[in-house]
Amino acid sequence: MVFDNRKIVLRLNKRRYLAILLYLVIMGFLLIPDSFKKTILGYEKSLFVIVLTTLYILYVIYTYVMNYNFFSYNNDGNNLIIRFVSLRPFDNKKRAIEVNKNDFVGYKIKSSLFNLKQDLVIKIKTKNGIANYPPISISALSFNHRKVLEDSLSQKG
């Protein structure tokens, strides 16, 4: 079984670029002298600048904490292959985990942030016992892909 979350990643990237474009355009209109009066709807322009900047910063922090990843899963053959790339700016290094199905022991899904952020931890058998791979964010997977992933990994463990 092979799948990836390419469509969701494209939608997340479009949302991110649209947010910054919208922020910059609105800020441009607010900060250009004489584009509007000093007040808009009875409020100072500076209040709109502060509120808009705060909302944009909160959006950036939220997406950074969620750590959305492009995620590709392949369990055909003798190995489980998971490829992932973070969508965080400046952290788009391509990573992969390849585990022999005989060494695969199990997995765990950790949830945080009111079940919005989910991380996958793969457990493997080593000479020294059972080891865990570092967590992989699967927050950008759709419900169906997450279910397929869990079903597939449950059959192996």
Protein backbone atom coordinates (compact mmCIF):
# COMPACT_ATOMS: atom_id res chain seq x y z
CA MET A 1 0.00 0.00 0.00
CA VAL A 2 1.31 3.39 -1.01
CA PHE A 3 -0.13 6.82 -0.23
CA ASP A 4 0.87 10.41 0.42
CA ASN A 5 -0.80 13.64 1.50
CA ARG A 6 0.21 15.76 -1.49
CA LYS A 7 -3.23 17.39 -1.91
CA ILE A 8 -3.39 18.49 1.71
CA VAL A 9 0.16 19.87 1.55
CA LEU A 10 -0.73 21.91 -1.54
CA ARG A 11 -3.78 23.31 0.25
CA LEU A 12 -1.71 24.18 3.35
CA ASN A 13 0.92 25.94 1.22
CA LYS A 14 -1.75 27.90 -0.67
CA ARG A 15 -3.29 28.93 2.65
CA ARG A 16 0.10 30.08 3.96
CA TYR A 17 0.91 32.12 0.83
CA LEU A 18 -2.58 33.61 0.73
CA ALA A 19 -2.31 34.61 4.40
CA ILE A 20 0.96 36.47 3.91
CA LEU A 21 -0.26 38.10 0.70
CA LEU A 22 -3.48 39.24 2.34
CA TYR A 23 -1.57 40.49 5.38
CA LEU A 24 0.87 42.49 3.25
CA VAL A 25 -1.84 44.01 1.04
CA ILE A 26 -3.99 45.09 3.98
CA MET A 27 -0.96 46.42 5.87
CA GLY A 28 0.07 48.34 2.75
CA PHE A 29 -3.30 50.06 2.60
CA LEU A 30 -3.30 50.76 6.32
CA LEU A 31 0.21 52.16 6.44
CA ILE A 32 0.17 54.28 3.26
CA PRO A 33 -0.43 57.84 4.36
CA ASP A 34 -3.72 59.34 3.24
CA SER A 35 -5.08 56.01 1.93
CA PHE A 36 -7.74 56.15 4.64
CA LYS A 37 -8.67 58.62 7.26
CA LYS A 38 -6.98 58.34 10.62
CA THR A 39 -9.96 56.33 11.81
CA ILE A 40 -11.79 53.40 10.24
CA LEU A 41 -15.26 52.58 11.55
CA GLY A 42 -14.54 54.84 14.50
CA TYR A 43 -11.27 53.11 15.47
CA GLU A 44 -7.71 54.29 15.03
CA LYS A 45 -5.75 52.72 12.15
CA SER A 46 -3.07 51.67 14.62
CA LEU A 47 -5.57 49.36 16.35
CA PHE A 48 -6.24 47.56 13.05
CA VAL A 49 -2.49 47.24 12.45
CA ILE A 50 -1.95 45.75 15.92
CA VAL A 51 -4.89 43.34 15.67
CA LEU A 52 -3.99 42.18 12.16
CA THR A 53 -0.32 41.70 13.06
CA THR A 54 -1.26 39.78 16.21
CA LEU A 55 -3.61 37.48 14.26
CA TYR A 56 -0.95 36.83 11.62
CA ILE A 57 1.72 36.08 14.25
CA LEU A 58 -0.67 33.69 16.03
CA TYR A 59 -1.34 31.93 12.72
CA VAL A 60 2.41 31.54 12.06
CA ILE A 61 3.01 30.22 15.59
CA TYR A 62 0.11 27.76 15.24
CA THR A 63 1.43 26.34 11.95
CA TYR A 64 4.95 26.15 13.39
CA VAL A 65 3.76 24.22 16.47
CA MET A 66 1.61 21.88 14.35
CA ASN A 67 4.73 21.03 12.28
CA TYR A 68 2.82 19.87 9.22
CA ASN A 69 4.73 17.36 7.07
CA PHE A 70 4.52 16.03 3.59
CA PHE A 71 4.10 12.34 4.41
CA SER A 72 4.55 9.34 2.14
CA TYR A 73 3.97 5.74 3.24
CA ASN A 74 4.88 2.52 1.43
CA ASN A 75 4.60 -0.98 2.88
CA ASP A 76 5.05 -2.94 -0.35
CA GLY A 77 7.92 -5.40 -0.26
CA ASN A 78 10.02 -6.37 2.75
CA ASN A 79 10.27 -2.90 4.27
CA LEU A 80 8.08 -0.17 5.70
CA ILE A 81 9.17 3.09 4.11
CA ILE A 82 8.07 6.42 5.51
CA ARG A 83 9.26 9.61 3.84
CA PHE A 84 8.50 13.03 5.27
CA VAL A 85 9.45 16.67 4.81
CA SER A 86 8.52 19.41 7.25
CA LEU A 87 6.59 22.36 5.87
CA ARG A 88 8.27 24.68 8.36
CA PRO A 89 10.32 27.41 6.75
CA PHE A 90 14.06 26.66 6.82
CA ASP A 91 13.42 23.07 7.96
CA ASN A 92 12.52 21.34 4.73
CA LYS A 93 15.14 18.61 4.88
CA LYS A 94 13.96 15.37 3.31
CA ARG A 95 13.88 12.52 5.82
CA ALA A 96 13.05 8.84 5.53
CA ILE A 97 12.61 5.84 7.79
CA GLU A 98 13.05 2.39 6.32
CA VAL A 99 12.30 -0.51 8.64
CA ASN A 100 12.46 -4.20 7.84
CA LYS A 101 9.06 -5.72 8.56
CA ASN A 102 10.72 -8.42 10.69
CA ASP A 103 12.26 -5.74 12.96
CA PHE A 104 9.03 -3.73 13.28
CA VAL A 105 7.57 -4.15 16.77
CA GLY A 106 4.77 -1.59 16.86
CA TYR A 107 3.82 2.04 16.83
CA LYS A 108 2.28 4.67 19.02
CA ILE A 109 0.36 7.81 18.12
CA LYS A 110 0.81 10.68 20.56
CA SER A 111 -1.83 13.39 20.60
CA SER A 112 -1.45 16.89 21.96
CA LEU A 113 -3.00 20.35 21.64
CA PHE A 114 -6.54 19.09 22.16
CA ASN A 115 -5.97 16.20 19.69
CA LEU A 116 -5.07 18.63 16.88
CA LYS A 117 -1.38 17.64 16.77
CA GLN A 118 -0.56 13.99 16.30
CA ASP A 119 2.86 12.34 16.15
CA LEU A 120 3.71 8.82 15.02
CA VAL A 121 6.41 6.90 16.91
CA ILE A 122 7.74 3.73 15.25
CA LYS A 123 9.12 0.96 17.50
CA ILE A 124 11.73 -1.47 16.22
CA LYS A 125 13.66 -4.43 17.55
CA THR A 126 17.42 -3.92 17.94
CA LYS A 127 20.27 -5.92 19.48
CA ASN A 128 19.85 -3.99 22.72
CA GLY A 129 16.06 -4.32 22.93
CA ILE A 130 13.27 -2.13 21.60
CA ALA A 131 14.05 1.34 20.24
CA ASN A 132 11.79 4.21 19.25
CA TYR A 133 12.31 6.43 16.23
CA PRO A 134 11.86 10.16 16.85
CA PRO A 135 8.23 11.30 16.48
CA ILE A 136 6.92 12.13 13.02
CA SER A 137 4.12 14.66 12.78
CA ILE A 138 1.07 13.21 11.02
CA SER A 139 -1.17 16.21 11.69
CA ALA A 140 -1.46 16.95 7.97
CA LEU A 141 -2.87 13.50 7.17
CA SER A 142 -6.55 13.25 6.40
CA PHE A 143 -8.75 11.13 8.65
CA ASN A 144 -8.90 8.41 5.96
CA HIS A 145 -5.12 8.31 5.47
CA ARG A 146 -4.59 8.20 9.23
CA LYS A 147 -7.02 5.27 9.51
CA VAL A 148 -5.31 3.41 6.63
CA LEU A 149 -1.90 4.05 8.23
CA GLU A 150 -3.06 2.75 11.62
CA ASP A 151 -4.69 -0.34 10.05
CA SER A 152 -1.56 -1.10 8.04
CA LEU A 153 0.81 -0.66 10.97
CA SER A 154 -1.46 -2.71 13.25
CA GLN A 155 -1.23 -5.67 10.87
CA LYS A 156 2.58 -5.56 10.99
CA GLY A 157 3.03 -5.32 14.75
